[in-house]
Amino acid sequence: MMGKPVIAGTRITVELILEKLAAGETPEQIIEAHPRLNREAIQAALAVRYI
């Protein structure tokens, strides 16, 4: 996705997940909206933020 990191096996960017979390969405809401994600994917997105 234009050189941005994505969650493996998806086209969902780490940036999108972080933006949704910053906007107040819970991990459960994000997973519900994007069924290909799981809690581990959310945790991975948070970990990438610190790299």
PDB file of N, CA and C in Angstrom:
ATOM      1  N   MET A   1       0.838  -1.164   0.000  1.00  0.00           N
ATOM      2  CA  MET A   1       0.000   0.000   0.000  1.00  0.00           C
ATOM      3  C   MET A   1       0.892   1.239   0.000  1.00  0.00           C
ATOM      4  N   MET A   2       1.459   1.496  -1.113  1.00  0.00           N
ATOM      5  CA  MET A   2       2.290   2.686  -1.300  1.00  0.00           C
ATOM      6  C   MET A   2       3.500   2.685  -0.363  1.00  0.00           C
ATOM      7  N   GLY A   3       4.073   1.511  -0.108  1.00  0.00           N
ATOM      8  CA  GLY A   3       5.259   1.407   0.719  1.00  0.00           C
ATOM      9  C   GLY A   3       5.000   1.420   2.216  1.00  0.00           C
ATOM     10  N   LYS A   4       3.749   1.471   2.614  1.00  0.00           N
ATOM     11  CA  LYS A   4       3.415   1.473   4.038  1.00  0.00           C
ATOM     12  C   LYS A   4       3.337   0.035   4.538  1.00  0.00           C
ATOM     13  N   PRO A   5       3.729  -0.190   5.790  1.00  0.00           N
ATOM     14  CA  PRO A   5       3.635  -1.555   6.320  1.00  0.00           C
ATOM     15  C   PRO A   5       2.180  -1.997   6.446  1.00  0.00           C
ATOM     16  N   VAL A   6       1.955  -3.260   6.101  1.00  0.00           N
ATOM     17  CA  VAL A   6       0.613  -3.842   6.190  1.00  0.00           C
ATOM     18  C   VAL A   6       0.657  -5.068   7.089  1.00  0.00           C
ATOM     19  N   ILE A   7      -0.506  -5.471   7.548  1.00  0.00           N
ATOM     20  CA  ILE A   7      -0.621  -6.699   8.327  1.00  0.00           C
ATOM     21  C   ILE A   7      -0.506  -7.872   7.355  1.00  0.00           C
ATOM     22  N   ALA A   8       0.345  -8.831   7.684  1.00  0.00           N
ATOM     23  CA  ALA A   8       0.601  -9.974   6.803  1.00  0.00           C
ATOM     24  C   ALA A   8      -0.702 -10.644   6.386  1.00  0.00           C
ATOM     25  N   GLY A   9      -0.797 -10.935   5.093  1.00  0.00           N
ATOM     26  CA  GLY A   9      -1.964 -11.618   4.559  1.00  0.00           C
ATOM     27  C   GLY A   9      -3.160 -10.720   4.317  1.00  0.00           C
ATOM     28  N   THR A  10      -2.975  -9.402   4.520  1.00  0.00           N
ATOM     29  CA  THR A  10      -4.066  -8.454   4.298  1.00  0.00           C
ATOM     30  C   THR A  10      -3.529  -7.254   3.528  1.00  0.00           C
ATOM     31  N   ARG A  11      -4.425  -6.363   3.190  1.00  0.00           N
ATOM     32  CA  ARG A  11      -4.027  -5.081   2.610  1.00  0.00           C
ATOM     33  C   ARG A  11      -4.316  -3.960   3.606  1.00  0.00           C
ATOM     34  N   ILE A  12      -4.454  -4.324   4.860  1.00  0.00           N
ATOM     35  CA  ILE A  12      -4.771  -3.368   5.918  1.00  0.00           C
ATOM     36  C   ILE A  12      -3.469  -2.795   6.464  1.00  0.00           C
ATOM     37  N   THR A  13      -3.353  -1.477   6.393  1.00  0.00           N
ATOM     38  CA  THR A  13      -2.112  -0.846   6.833  1.00  0.00           C
ATOM     39  C   THR A  13      -2.056  -0.716   8.350  1.00  0.00           C
ATOM     40  N   VAL A  14      -0.829  -0.747   8.846  1.00  0.00           N
ATOM     41  CA  VAL A  14      -0.588  -0.485  10.262  1.00  0.00           C
ATOM     42  C   VAL A  14      -1.105   0.907  10.599  1.00  0.00           C
ATOM     43  N   GLU A  15      -0.875   1.840   9.704  1.00  0.00           N
ATOM     44  CA  GLU A  15      -1.328   3.212   9.906  1.00  0.00           C
ATOM     45  C   GLU A  15      -2.843   3.270  10.144  1.00  0.00           C
ATOM     46  N   LEU A  16      -3.616   2.518   9.373  1.00  0.00           N
ATOM     47  CA  LEU A  16      -5.074   2.511   9.536  1.00  0.00           C
ATOM     48  C   LEU A  16      -5.456   2.027  10.933  1.00  0.00           C
ATOM     49  N   ILE A  17      -4.823   0.959  11.375  1.00  0.00           N
ATOM     50  CA  ILE A  17      -5.131   0.424  12.700  1.00  0.00           C
ATOM     51  C   ILE A  17      -4.790   1.447  13.780  1.00  0.00           C
ATOM     52  N   LEU A  18      -3.618   2.063  13.673  1.00  0.00           N
ATOM     53  CA  LEU A  18      -3.218   3.051  14.675  1.00  0.00           C
ATOM     54  C   LEU A  18      -4.140   4.259  14.670  1.00  0.00           C
ATOM     55  N   GLU A  19      -4.577   4.683  13.494  1.00  0.00           N
ATOM     56  CA  GLU A  19      -5.511   5.813  13.409  1.00  0.00           C
ATOM     57  C   GLU A  19      -6.840   5.470  14.078  1.00  0.00           C
ATOM     58  N   LYS A  20      -7.323   4.260  13.846  1.00  0.00           N
ATOM     59  CA  LYS A  20      -8.589   3.844  14.452  1.00  0.00           C
ATOM     60  C   LYS A  20      -8.468   3.776  15.977  1.00  0.00           C
ATOM     61  N   LEU A  21      -7.353   3.252  16.465  1.00  0.00           N
ATOM     62  CA  LEU A  21      -7.143   3.204  17.910  1.00  0.00           C
ATOM     63  C   LEU A  21      -7.065   4.615  18.491  1.00  0.00           C
ATOM     64  N   ALA A  22      -6.351   5.504  17.808  1.00  0.00           N
ATOM     65  CA  ALA A  22      -6.221   6.887  18.276  1.00  0.00           C
ATOM     66  C   ALA A  22      -7.569   7.602  18.292  1.00  0.00           C
ATOM     67  N   ALA A  23      -8.461   7.202  17.393  1.00  0.00           N
ATOM     68  CA  ALA A  23      -9.792   7.812  17.325  1.00  0.00           C
ATOM     69  C   ALA A  23     -10.740   7.241  18.380  1.00  0.00           C
ATOM     70  N   GLY A  24     -10.252   6.267  19.145  1.00  0.00           N
ATOM     71  CA  GLY A  24     -11.061   5.731  20.230  1.00  0.00           C
ATOM     72  C   GLY A  24     -11.721   4.395  19.970  1.00  0.00           C
ATOM     73  N   GLU A  25     -11.487   3.816  18.792  1.00  0.00           N
ATOM     74  CA  GLU A  25     -12.068   2.496  18.526  1.00  0.00           C
ATOM     75  C   GLU A  25     -11.342   1.452  19.368  1.00  0.00           C
ATOM     76  N   THR A  26     -12.077   0.468  19.811  1.00  0.00           N
ATOM     77  CA  THR A  26     -11.473  -0.626  20.565  1.00  0.00           C
ATOM     78  C   THR A  26     -10.937  -1.669  19.586  1.00  0.00           C
ATOM     79  N   PRO A  27     -10.004  -2.510  20.045  1.00  0.00           N
ATOM     80  CA  PRO A  27      -9.546  -3.592  19.173  1.00  0.00           C
ATOM     81  C   PRO A  27     -10.707  -4.459  18.681  1.00  0.00           C
ATOM     82  N   GLU A  28     -11.694  -4.686  19.536  1.00  0.00           N
ATOM     83  CA  GLU A  28     -12.843  -5.502  19.141  1.00  0.00           C
ATOM     84  C   GLU A  28     -13.624  -4.853  18.001  1.00  0.00           C
ATOM     85  N   GLN A  29     -13.788  -3.536  18.055  1.00  0.00           N
ATOM     86  CA  GLN A  29     -14.498  -2.826  16.986  1.00  0.00           C
ATOM     87  C   GLN A  29     -13.720  -2.908  15.673  1.00  0.00           C
ATOM     88  N   ILE A  30     -12.409  -2.790  15.761  1.00  0.00           N
ATOM     89  CA  ILE A  30     -11.574  -2.864  14.557  1.00  0.00           C
ATOM     90  C   ILE A  30     -11.665  -4.261  13.953  1.00  0.00           C
ATOM     91  N   ILE A  31     -11.588  -5.277  14.796  1.00  0.00           N
ATOM     92  CA  ILE A  31     -11.675  -6.658  14.319  1.00  0.00           C
ATOM     93  C   ILE A  31     -13.045  -6.929  13.707  1.00  0.00           C
ATOM     94  N   GLU A  32     -14.085  -6.386  14.307  1.00  0.00           N
ATOM     95  CA  GLU A  32     -15.436  -6.568  13.760  1.00  0.00           C
ATOM     96  C   GLU A  32     -15.556  -5.931  12.373  1.00  0.00           C
ATOM     97  N   ALA A  33     -14.934  -4.768  12.197  1.00  0.00           N
ATOM     98  CA  ALA A  33     -14.992  -4.072  10.909  1.00  0.00           C
ATOM     99  C   ALA A  33     -14.073  -4.708   9.871  1.00  0.00           C
ATOM    100  N   HIS A  34     -13.034  -5.394  10.335  1.00  0.00           N
ATOM    101  CA  HIS A  34     -12.041  -6.016   9.444  1.00  0.00           C
ATOM    102  C   HIS A  34     -11.832  -7.460   9.905  1.00  0.00           C
ATOM    103  N   PRO A  35     -12.717  -8.366   9.517  1.00  0.00           N
ATOM    104  CA  PRO A  35     -12.689  -9.745  10.021  1.00  0.00           C
ATOM    105  C   PRO A  35     -11.389 -10.511   9.766  1.00  0.00           C
ATOM    106  N   ARG A  36     -10.567 -10.042   8.840  1.00  0.00           N
ATOM    107  CA  ARG A  36      -9.295 -10.736   8.588  1.00  0.00           C
ATOM    108  C   ARG A  36      -8.274 -10.451   9.678  1.00  0.00           C
ATOM    109  N   LEU A  37      -8.570  -9.477  10.537  1.00  0.00           N
ATOM    110  CA  LEU A  37      -7.667  -9.143  11.634  1.00  0.00           C
ATOM    111  C   LEU A  37      -8.007  -9.962  12.871  1.00  0.00           C
ATOM    112  N   ASN A  38      -7.031 -10.047  13.762  1.00  0.00           N
ATOM    113  CA  ASN A  38      -7.246 -10.655  15.069  1.00  0.00           C
ATOM    114  C   ASN A  38      -6.483  -9.819  16.095  1.00  0.00           C
ATOM    115  N   ARG A  39      -6.599 -10.186  17.353  1.00  0.00           N
ATOM    116  CA  ARG A  39      -5.960  -9.400  18.409  1.00  0.00           C
ATOM    117  C   ARG A  39      -4.438  -9.345  18.223  1.00  0.00           C
ATOM    118  N   GLU A  40      -3.837 -10.425  17.751  1.00  0.00           N
ATOM    119  CA  GLU A  40      -2.395 -10.444  17.523  1.00  0.00           C
ATOM    120  C   GLU A  40      -1.993  -9.416  16.466  1.00  0.00           C
ATOM    121  N   ALA A  41      -2.829  -9.231  15.453  1.00  0.00           N
ATOM    122  CA  ALA A  41      -2.545  -8.236  14.412  1.00  0.00           C
ATOM    123  C   ALA A  41      -2.576  -6.830  14.991  1.00  0.00           C
ATOM    124  N   ILE A  42      -3.514  -6.580  15.892  1.00  0.00           N
ATOM    125  CA  ILE A  42      -3.593  -5.269  16.536  1.00  0.00           C
ATOM    126  C   ILE A  42      -2.343  -5.044  17.380  1.00  0.00           C
ATOM    127  N   GLN A  43      -1.929  -6.056  18.118  1.00  0.00           N
ATOM    128  CA  GLN A  43      -0.726  -5.948  18.936  1.00  0.00           C
ATOM    129  C   GLN A  43       0.509  -5.740  18.065  1.00  0.00           C
ATOM    130  N   ALA A  44       0.560  -6.406  16.916  1.00  0.00           N
ATOM    131  CA  ALA A  44       1.688  -6.226  16.001  1.00  0.00           C
ATOM    132  C   ALA A  44       1.736  -4.796  15.481  1.00  0.00           C
ATOM    133  N   ALA A  45       0.582  -4.228  15.182  1.00  0.00           N
ATOM    134  CA  ALA A  45       0.536  -2.837  14.710  1.00  0.00           C
ATOM    135  C   ALA A  45       1.067  -1.900  15.784  1.00  0.00           C
ATOM    136  N   LEU A  46       0.702  -2.150  17.018  1.00  0.00           N
ATOM    137  CA  LEU A  46       1.205  -1.322  18.112  1.00  0.00           C
ATOM    138  C   LEU A  46       2.712  -1.485  18.275  1.00  0.00           C
ATOM    139  N   ALA A  47       3.219  -2.693  18.088  1.00  0.00           N
ATOM    140  CA  ALA A  47       4.656  -2.934  18.207  1.00  0.00           C
ATOM    141  C   ALA A  47       5.427  -2.210  17.115  1.00  0.00           C
ATOM    142  N   VAL A  48       4.889  -2.184  15.902  1.00  0.00           N
ATOM    143  CA  VAL A  48       5.561  -1.519  14.780  1.00  0.00           C
ATOM    144  C   VAL A  48       5.713  -0.028  15.054  1.00  0.00           C
ATOM    145  N   ARG A  49       4.764   0.523  15.778  1.00  0.00           N
ATOM    146  CA  ARG A  49       4.798   1.955  16.094  1.00  0.00           C
ATOM    147  C   ARG A  49       6.094   2.329  16.806  1.00  0.00           C
ATOM    148  N   TYR A  50       6.669   1.408  17.560  1.00  0.00           N
ATOM    149  CA  TYR A  50       7.858   1.707  18.355  1.00  0.00           C
ATOM    150  C   TYR A  50       9.162   1.336  17.664  1.00  0.00           C
ATOM    151  N   ILE A  51       9.086   0.854  16.451  1.00  0.00           N
ATOM    152  CA  ILE A  51      10.318   0.468  15.730  1.00  0.00           C
ATOM    153  C   ILE A  51      10.886   1.672  15.020  1.00  0.00           C
TER     154      ILE A  51
END
